[in-house]
Amino acid sequence: MDFAFDARTEELRAKLLAFMDEYVYPAEAVAEDQRAQLASRWDTPAVVGELKEEARRQGLWNLFLPDAEYGAGLTNLQYAPLAEITGRSPHLAPTALNCAAPDTGNMEVLHQFGDEQQKKQWLEPLLAGEIRSAFAMTEPEVASSDATNITTLIERDGDDYVITGRKWYISGAMNPDCKIFIVMGKTDPTGADIRRQQSMILVPRDTPGVTVKRAMQVFGYEDHSHGGHAEVIFDHARVPATNLIGEEGGGFAIAQARLGPGRIHHCMRLIGMAERAIELMCQRAVSRVAFGKALAQQGVVHNWIADARVAVEQLRLLVLKTAWMMDTVGNKGAHAEIQAIKIATPRTVVGILDKAIQLHGAGGVSQDFPLAELYASARTLMLADGPDEVHQRSLARRELKKYL
């Protein structure tokens, strides 16, 4: 593996870094001020639309999608350092570049598994940034970390499917621009193998029987950047059979294909979050005095900053190796590495953010700095896309097989 970035990556990095400095960071406070004036707290601030227009003008658009017909045509290894940069402002930059979850994963599903009509109706407006989407999998009644537990039913009725179930923490569903759900449910809850019972289906938000019931908070925060995390009820919601993605029983395999890139994208952005935390720590340390000397002269602060730097460098190498393997041997061949970064990155970044919060004192838990909200996001990623323990279980079993 060559550690140097290629010419195209370097060009895009330079453009993106300049875009962040000139447009994104100044827009953070503007977005908050505008949101406070909106009729609905889930409406999108005008500055976000302005950022999207500028990003598209500069060619910083759909960088996540490797197919040049639909996206930037970048490899995972090329995209990794760009996603890291957007992670420095995770609640604004990914959306500005049309590279925000859950839309990225949903676009990948439609790109890989959707038919031509589904692509035209839903993928194209998503790629254009005209609409948003949500992925409805997690359920409050069961341990959804085991996807075989899903209880939502997708029942065939003539030329339609009828969807019945309750989902929650459905990211993006509170956003008025969210027009489509990809719903994971069971088309054959008893007869098929446990990994062939699930299917995925497209359910427009305005379908009768679909109710976005409430917004779910995350450590007291409402994640406006993703369009919130909602509880959604599907009460005999009826859609055409042509809305099924792929074939009946293919939902589990589609979910695995969707989550592989999604997991590495999260880890890339988490490294950017950690870099911003280190930057804020250093700024705070040289500007504050306690007990007669600057915080930057305190030994414990030296340890926090040094440990954070070492940890970030280690994580970056592991994430870049994983991206390189995804490009060279495919997602299946990089499965162990994907699990490793999913285990290591969120917990490590949570630790770095914790020290950054400590260094900021009361300010660290306030809304005046981004640290508390970043902490909430990073801690949530120890659960999202599969809890750490699920990945630890799978990775340990893979290691143990070498000795059995």
Protein backbone atom coordinates (compact mmCIF):
# COMPACT_ATOMS: atom_id res chain seq x y z
CA MET A 1 0.00 0.00 0.00
CA ASP A 2 1.30 3.43 -1.00
CA PHE A 3 0.79 5.96 1.78
CA ALA A 4 1.01 8.97 -0.55
CA PHE A 5 -2.21 10.48 -1.88
CA ASP A 6 -2.50 10.49 -5.67
CA ALA A 7 -2.76 13.70 -7.68
CA ARG A 8 -6.56 13.73 -7.86
CA THR A 9 -6.91 13.20 -4.12
CA GLU A 10 -4.46 16.00 -3.39
CA GLU A 11 -6.34 18.33 -5.74
CA LEU A 12 -9.70 17.55 -4.11
CA ARG A 13 -8.20 17.82 -0.60
CA ALA A 14 -6.91 21.30 -1.36
CA LYS A 15 -10.26 22.40 -2.77
CA LEU A 16 -12.18 20.90 0.12
CA LEU A 17 -9.93 22.39 2.80
CA ALA A 18 -10.38 25.81 1.20
CA PHE A 19 -14.14 25.24 0.97
CA MET A 20 -14.27 24.37 4.68
CA ASP A 21 -12.31 27.49 5.67
CA GLU A 22 -14.14 29.90 3.38
CA TYR A 23 -17.69 28.58 3.58
CA VAL A 24 -18.40 25.77 6.05
CA TYR A 25 -16.87 26.94 9.33
CA PRO A 26 -18.33 30.46 9.01
CA ALA A 27 -21.71 28.90 8.21
CA GLU A 28 -21.89 26.90 11.45
CA ALA A 29 -23.03 29.84 13.57
CA VAL A 30 -25.19 31.17 10.73
CA ALA A 31 -27.03 27.87 10.46
CA GLU A 32 -27.79 27.88 14.18
CA ASP A 33 -29.07 31.46 14.06
CA GLN A 34 -31.24 30.73 11.03
CA ARG A 35 -32.63 27.54 12.56
CA ALA A 36 -33.82 29.50 15.59
CA GLN A 37 -35.91 31.68 13.26
CA LEU A 38 -37.52 28.86 11.25
CA ALA A 39 -41.20 28.01 11.54
CA SER A 40 -40.26 24.38 12.16
CA ARG A 41 -37.03 23.32 13.82
CA TRP A 42 -36.76 20.58 11.20
CA ASP A 43 -36.74 22.94 8.24
CA THR A 44 -33.39 23.41 6.53
CA PRO A 45 -31.59 26.73 7.10
CA ALA A 46 -31.10 28.75 3.92
CA VAL A 47 -27.31 28.72 4.33
CA VAL A 48 -27.28 24.95 3.79
CA GLY A 49 -28.77 25.43 0.33
CA GLU A 50 -26.15 28.06 -0.39
CA LEU A 51 -23.39 25.68 0.66
CA LYS A 52 -24.79 22.94 -1.56
CA GLU A 53 -24.86 25.26 -4.56
CA GLU A 54 -21.26 26.32 -3.99
CA ALA A 55 -20.06 22.74 -3.41
CA ARG A 56 -21.70 21.61 -6.62
CA ARG A 57 -20.20 24.56 -8.51
CA GLN A 58 -16.75 23.58 -7.28
CA GLY A 59 -17.15 19.90 -8.19
CA LEU A 60 -17.31 18.81 -4.53
CA TRP A 61 -20.50 16.79 -5.02
CA ASN A 62 -21.41 13.11 -4.51
CA LEU A 63 -17.79 12.33 -3.72
CA PHE A 64 -18.79 9.10 -1.94
CA LEU A 65 -20.11 7.19 -4.97
CA PRO A 66 -17.39 5.31 -6.89
CA ASP A 67 -19.40 4.99 -10.12
CA ALA A 68 -18.36 7.91 -12.32
CA GLU A 69 -21.75 7.83 -14.07
CA TYR A 70 -23.50 8.84 -10.85
CA GLY A 71 -20.80 10.16 -8.55
CA ALA A 72 -17.21 11.37 -8.47
CA GLY A 73 -15.77 7.99 -9.43
CA LEU A 74 -13.39 7.93 -6.47
CA THR A 75 -12.05 4.79 -4.85
CA ASN A 76 -12.54 4.24 -1.13
CA LEU A 77 -8.88 5.13 -0.63
CA GLN A 78 -9.32 8.41 -2.51
CA TYR A 79 -12.51 9.28 -0.67
CA ALA A 80 -11.18 8.50 2.83
CA PRO A 81 -9.14 11.71 3.41
CA LEU A 82 -11.99 13.79 1.97
CA ALA A 83 -14.56 12.26 4.30
CA GLU A 84 -12.16 12.91 7.17
CA ILE A 85 -12.12 16.61 6.32
CA THR A 86 -15.93 16.77 6.31
CA GLY A 87 -15.92 15.10 9.72
CA ARG A 88 -14.48 18.29 11.19
CA SER A 89 -17.96 19.79 10.74
CA PRO A 90 -20.08 16.63 10.65
CA HIS A 91 -23.43 18.35 11.04
CA LEU A 92 -22.92 20.63 8.05
CA ALA A 93 -20.15 19.62 5.64
CA PRO A 94 -21.42 16.15 4.57
CA THR A 95 -24.85 17.60 3.80
CA ALA A 96 -23.28 20.45 1.84
CA LEU A 97 -21.45 17.93 -0.36
CA ASN A 98 -24.48 15.59 -0.68
CA CYS A 99 -22.40 13.01 1.16
CA ALA A 100 -24.48 12.71 4.35
CA ALA A 101 -25.94 9.57 5.88
CA PRO A 102 -28.45 8.04 5.53
CA ASP A 103 -28.76 9.31 1.95
CA THR A 104 -25.36 7.93 0.96
CA GLY A 105 -26.25 4.39 1.97
CA ASN A 106 -29.69 4.64 0.38
CA MET A 107 -28.20 5.91 -2.86
CA GLU A 108 -25.74 3.01 -2.84
CA VAL A 109 -28.62 0.55 -2.37
CA LEU A 110 -30.57 2.05 -5.27
CA HIS A 111 -27.45 2.21 -7.42
CA GLN A 112 -26.54 -1.44 -6.80
CA PHE A 113 -29.93 -3.10 -6.46
CA GLY A 114 -32.61 -0.75 -7.79
CA ASP A 115 -34.25 -1.24 -11.18
CA GLU A 116 -34.33 1.47 -13.82
CA GLN A 117 -37.66 2.89 -12.70
CA GLN A 118 -36.56 3.03 -9.05
CA LYS A 119 -33.36 4.78 -10.06
CA LYS A 120 -35.19 7.34 -12.15
CA GLN A 121 -37.84 8.04 -9.53
CA TRP A 122 -35.68 8.11 -6.41
CA LEU A 123 -31.94 7.82 -7.09
CA GLU A 124 -31.74 10.70 -9.54
CA PRO A 125 -33.39 13.30 -7.26
CA LEU A 126 -31.28 12.07 -4.35
CA LEU A 127 -28.11 12.46 -6.40
CA ALA A 128 -29.27 15.96 -7.35
CA GLY A 129 -29.82 16.85 -3.69
CA GLU A 130 -33.47 17.66 -4.40
CA ILE A 131 -34.86 15.27 -1.76
CA ARG A 132 -33.69 13.42 1.35
CA SER A 133 -34.37 9.84 2.45
CA ALA A 134 -34.43 7.52 5.46
CA PHE A 135 -33.53 3.89 6.15
CA ALA A 136 -36.08 2.16 8.40
CA MET A 137 -34.61 -0.90 10.09
CA THR A 138 -34.26 -0.50 13.87
CA GLU A 139 -37.25 -1.49 16.02
CA PRO A 140 -37.97 -0.71 19.70
CA GLU A 141 -39.60 -4.04 20.51
CA VAL A 142 -36.67 -6.32 19.63
CA ALA A 143 -32.88 -6.43 19.74
CA SER A 144 -32.35 -5.01 16.28
CA SER A 145 -28.60 -5.61 16.45
CA ASP A 146 -29.67 -9.09 15.32
CA ALA A 147 -31.43 -8.33 12.03
CA THR A 148 -33.16 -11.70 12.09
CA ASN A 149 -35.29 -10.35 14.98
CA ILE A 150 -37.01 -7.73 12.79
CA THR A 151 -40.79 -8.06 13.15
CA THR A 152 -42.11 -5.55 10.59
CA LEU A 153 -44.18 -7.42 8.02
CA ILE A 154 -44.12 -6.88 4.25
CA GLU A 155 -47.08 -8.93 3.03
CA ARG A 156 -47.98 -9.52 -0.62
CA ASP A 157 -51.56 -8.63 -1.53
CA GLY A 158 -52.20 -8.95 -5.26
CA ASP A 159 -50.14 -6.32 -7.07
CA ASP A 160 -49.21 -4.60 -3.80
CA TYR A 161 -47.24 -5.11 -0.63
CA VAL A 162 -48.69 -4.08 2.74
CA ILE A 163 -46.21 -2.93 5.40
CA THR A 164 -47.02 -3.13 9.11
CA GLY A 165 -44.57 -2.37 11.90
CA ARG A 166 -42.99 0.14 14.27
CA LYS A 167 -39.52 1.59 13.74
CA TRP A 168 -37.46 4.09 15.68
CA TYR A 169 -34.25 6.08 15.44
CA ILE A 170 -34.97 6.37 11.75
CA SER A 171 -32.42 8.98 10.74
CA GLY A 172 -33.62 11.72 8.43
CA ALA A 173 -37.32 11.07 8.87
CA MET A 174 -38.10 14.39 10.58
CA ASN A 175 -36.76 16.41 7.65
CA PRO A 176 -39.61 17.75 5.48
CA ASP A 177 -37.42 17.02 2.43
CA CYS A 178 -37.39 13.31 3.32
CA LYS A 179 -39.62 11.83 0.62
CA ILE A 180 -38.77 8.12 0.63
CA PHE A 181 -38.13 5.34 3.16
CA ILE A 182 -36.23 2.15 2.47
CA VAL A 183 -37.95 -0.24 4.85
CA MET A 184 -36.49 -3.53 6.10
CA GLY A 185 -39.12 -6.11 7.00
CA LYS A 186 -40.05 -9.76 6.63
CA THR A 187 -41.78 -11.14 3.56
CA ASP A 188 -41.47 -14.75 4.81
CA PRO A 189 -41.30 -14.74 8.63
CA THR A 190 -41.57 -18.52 9.10
CA GLY A 191 -40.84 -20.55 5.98
CA ALA A 192 -37.44 -19.38 4.80
CA ASP A 193 -33.96 -19.56 6.29
CA ILE A 194 -33.55 -16.88 8.96
CA ARG A 195 -31.37 -14.79 6.60
CA ARG A 196 -33.77 -15.13 3.69
CA GLN A 197 -36.88 -13.90 5.49
CA GLN A 198 -36.11 -10.19 5.14
CA SER A 199 -36.75 -7.91 2.19
CA MET A 200 -36.35 -4.19 1.47
CA ILE A 201 -39.04 -2.04 -0.05
CA LEU A 202 -39.48 1.59 -1.04
CA VAL A 203 -42.23 3.40 0.85
CA PRO A 204 -42.94 7.05 -0.02
CA ARG A 205 -43.33 9.24 3.04
CA ASP A 206 -46.81 10.39 1.97
CA THR A 207 -48.15 6.81 1.72
CA PRO A 208 -51.41 6.41 3.70
CA GLY A 209 -50.65 4.48 6.88
CA VAL A 210 -47.17 6.01 7.35
CA THR A 211 -46.95 8.19 10.46
CA VAL A 212 -43.83 9.99 11.62
CA LYS A 213 -44.81 9.91 15.27
CA ARG A 214 -42.08 11.78 17.15
CA ALA A 215 -38.46 12.86 17.13
CA MET A 216 -36.03 10.80 19.20
CA GLN A 217 -33.34 12.70 21.06
CA VAL A 218 -29.70 11.64 21.39
CA PHE A 219 -28.34 12.57 24.82
CA GLY A 220 -30.80 15.45 24.78
CA TYR A 221 -29.76 16.65 21.32
CA GLU A 222 -31.94 16.75 18.24
CA ASP A 223 -29.79 15.91 15.24
CA HIS A 224 -31.02 18.49 12.75
CA SER A 225 -28.20 17.82 10.29
CA HIS A 226 -29.53 14.34 9.52
CA GLY A 227 -33.13 15.48 9.71
CA GLY A 228 -33.64 14.01 13.15
CA HIS A 229 -34.11 10.44 14.33
CA ALA A 230 -37.79 9.56 14.32
CA GLU A 231 -40.20 6.93 15.53
CA VAL A 232 -42.23 5.85 12.48
CA ILE A 233 -45.38 3.75 12.37
CA PHE A 234 -46.32 1.70 9.32
CA ASP A 235 -49.99 0.79 9.74
CA HIS A 236 -50.97 -1.34 6.74
CA ALA A 237 -49.14 1.03 4.41
CA ARG A 238 -49.78 -0.17 0.85
CA VAL A 239 -47.31 0.27 -2.02
CA PRO A 240 -47.00 -1.33 -5.48
CA ALA A 241 -45.13 -4.63 -5.67
CA THR A 242 -42.71 -2.92 -8.06
CA ASN A 243 -41.37 -0.99 -5.04
CA LEU A 244 -39.58 -4.11 -3.78
CA ILE A 245 -35.81 -3.69 -4.06
CA GLY A 246 -34.28 -6.75 -5.63
CA GLU A 247 -35.99 -10.03 -4.81
CA GLU A 248 -37.97 -11.33 -1.86
CA GLY A 249 -35.58 -12.63 0.76
CA GLY A 250 -32.72 -10.45 -0.43
CA GLY A 251 -32.96 -7.85 2.32
CA PHE A 252 -30.28 -9.28 4.60
CA ALA A 253 -27.70 -9.40 1.81
CA ILE A 254 -28.60 -5.86 0.69
CA ALA A 255 -28.23 -4.63 4.28
CA GLN A 256 -24.73 -6.10 4.50
CA ALA A 257 -23.77 -4.50 1.20
CA ARG A 258 -25.15 -1.16 2.41
CA LEU A 259 -23.49 -1.19 5.80
CA GLY A 260 -19.95 -2.00 4.62
CA PRO A 261 -19.27 1.38 2.96
CA GLY A 262 -21.43 3.15 5.54
CA ARG A 263 -19.29 1.90 8.39
CA ILE A 264 -16.05 3.06 6.84
CA HIS A 265 -17.58 6.46 5.96
CA HIS A 266 -18.52 6.93 9.62
CA CYS A 267 -14.99 6.04 10.73
CA MET A 268 -13.44 8.44 8.24
CA ARG A 269 -15.58 11.29 9.53
CA LEU A 270 -14.88 10.32 13.14
CA ILE A 271 -11.17 10.89 12.56
CA GLY A 272 -12.02 14.40 11.38
CA MET A 273 -14.03 14.92 14.55
CA ALA A 274 -11.02 13.83 16.60
CA GLU A 275 -8.75 16.22 14.71
CA ARG A 276 -11.08 19.10 15.48
CA ALA A 277 -11.14 18.08 19.14
CA ILE A 278 -7.33 18.12 19.27
CA GLU A 279 -7.30 21.54 17.63
CA LEU A 280 -9.78 22.87 20.19
CA MET A 281 -7.76 21.31 23.04
CA CYS A 282 -4.59 23.03 21.91
CA GLN A 283 -6.31 26.39 21.47
CA ARG A 284 -7.84 26.11 24.92
CA ALA A 285 -4.60 24.99 26.53
CA VAL A 286 -2.58 27.98 25.35
CA SER A 287 -5.32 30.51 26.17
CA ARG A 288 -6.26 29.55 29.75
CA VAL A 289 -4.36 29.91 33.02
CA ALA A 290 -5.02 27.79 36.11
CA PHE A 291 -3.05 27.70 39.36
CA GLY A 292 -0.48 30.16 38.13
CA LYS A 293 0.40 28.73 34.72
CA ALA A 294 -1.12 28.07 31.34
CA LEU A 295 -2.99 24.81 30.87
CA ALA A 296 -0.47 24.09 28.09
CA GLN A 297 2.18 23.82 30.80
CA GLN A 298 0.27 21.25 32.83
CA GLY A 299 1.70 17.75 32.55
CA VAL A 300 -1.67 16.04 32.43
CA VAL A 301 -2.67 18.21 29.48
CA HIS A 302 0.51 17.18 27.68
CA ASN A 303 -0.49 13.56 28.18
CA TRP A 304 -4.02 14.09 26.84
CA ILE A 305 -2.81 15.84 23.71
CA ALA A 306 0.02 13.39 23.05
CA ASP A 307 -2.20 10.35 23.56
CA ALA A 308 -4.83 11.84 21.27
CA ARG A 309 -2.30 12.46 18.51
CA VAL A 310 -0.93 8.91 18.72
CA ALA A 311 -4.43 7.42 18.72
CA VAL A 312 -5.55 9.42 15.68
CA GLU A 313 -2.48 8.44 13.68
CA GLN A 314 -3.08 4.78 14.50
CA LEU A 315 -6.75 4.97 13.55
CA ARG A 316 -6.04 6.77 10.29
CA LEU A 317 -3.62 4.06 9.18
CA LEU A 318 -6.13 1.32 9.99
CA VAL A 319 -8.95 3.13 8.17
CA LEU A 320 -6.77 3.78 5.11
CA LYS A 321 -5.70 0.13 5.07
CA THR A 322 -9.35 -0.90 5.20
CA ALA A 323 -10.26 1.46 2.37
CA TRP A 324 -7.37 0.09 0.30
CA MET A 325 -8.48 -3.48 0.94
CA MET A 326 -12.09 -2.67 -0.01
CA ASP A 327 -10.73 -1.36 -3.30
CA THR A 328 -8.42 -4.33 -3.94
CA VAL A 329 -10.16 -7.40 -2.48
CA GLY A 330 -13.73 -6.14 -2.07
CA ASN A 331 -15.94 -5.58 0.95
CA LYS A 332 -16.08 -9.29 1.76
CA GLY A 333 -12.30 -9.60 1.68
CA ALA A 334 -12.00 -6.56 3.96
CA HIS A 335 -14.69 -7.77 6.37
CA ALA A 336 -12.36 -8.23 9.35
CA GLU A 337 -10.80 -4.82 8.83
CA ILE A 338 -14.21 -3.14 8.51
CA GLN A 339 -15.17 -4.71 11.83
CA ALA A 340 -11.89 -3.62 13.40
CA ILE A 341 -12.30 0.04 12.49
CA LYS A 342 -15.95 -0.03 13.58
CA ILE A 343 -14.84 -1.29 17.00
CA ALA A 344 -11.78 0.91 17.45
CA THR A 345 -12.71 4.26 15.95
CA PRO A 346 -15.85 5.38 17.82
CA ARG A 347 -14.59 4.31 21.25
CA THR A 348 -11.22 5.98 20.71
CA VAL A 349 -12.74 9.21 19.43
CA VAL A 350 -15.18 9.23 22.36
CA GLY A 351 -12.16 9.13 24.66
CA ILE A 352 -10.47 12.02 22.86
CA LEU A 353 -13.64 14.10 22.96
CA ASP A 354 -14.03 13.32 26.66
CA LYS A 355 -10.60 14.79 27.39
CA ALA A 356 -11.33 17.80 25.19
CA ILE A 357 -14.55 18.41 27.13
CA GLN A 358 -12.65 18.10 30.42
CA LEU A 359 -10.09 20.64 29.26
CA HIS A 360 -12.87 23.11 28.41
CA GLY A 361 -14.54 22.80 31.80
CA ALA A 362 -18.14 23.98 31.84
CA GLY A 363 -17.72 25.25 28.29
CA GLY A 364 -17.11 21.70 27.14
CA VAL A 365 -20.64 20.61 27.93
CA SER A 366 -22.23 23.81 26.64
CA GLN A 367 -23.64 24.79 23.27
CA ASP A 368 -20.89 27.39 22.83
CA PHE A 369 -18.44 24.72 21.68
CA PRO A 370 -19.14 21.77 19.35
CA LEU A 371 -17.62 19.21 21.72
CA ALA A 372 -20.72 18.00 23.55
CA GLU A 373 -22.67 17.50 20.34
CA LEU A 374 -19.68 15.76 18.75
CA TYR A 375 -19.46 13.51 21.80
CA ALA A 376 -23.13 12.58 21.48
CA SER A 377 -22.63 11.72 17.81
CA ALA A 378 -19.49 9.67 18.39
CA ARG A 379 -20.98 7.78 21.34
CA THR A 380 -24.05 6.95 19.26
CA LEU A 381 -21.82 5.37 16.62
CA MET A 382 -20.83 2.72 19.18
CA LEU A 383 -24.41 1.52 18.62
CA ALA A 384 -25.24 2.52 15.05
CA ASP A 385 -24.53 0.14 12.15
CA GLY A 386 -24.20 -2.68 14.68
CA PRO A 387 -23.13 -2.34 18.33
CA ASP A 388 -19.45 -2.81 19.14
CA GLU A 389 -20.19 -6.14 20.81
CA VAL A 390 -21.69 -7.61 17.63
CA HIS A 391 -18.53 -6.79 15.69
CA GLN A 392 -16.32 -8.04 18.53
CA ARG A 393 -18.22 -11.33 18.55
CA SER A 394 -17.83 -11.81 14.83
CA LEU A 395 -14.19 -10.76 14.74
CA ALA A 396 -13.27 -13.01 17.68
CA ARG A 397 -14.99 -15.99 16.04
CA ARG A 398 -13.01 -15.32 12.86
CA GLU A 399 -9.76 -15.35 14.85
CA LEU A 400 -10.69 -18.48 16.80
CA LYS A 401 -11.41 -20.42 13.60
CA LYS A 402 -7.66 -20.37 12.89
CA TYR A 403 -7.14 -22.60 15.93
CA LEU A 404 -10.09 -25.00 15.66
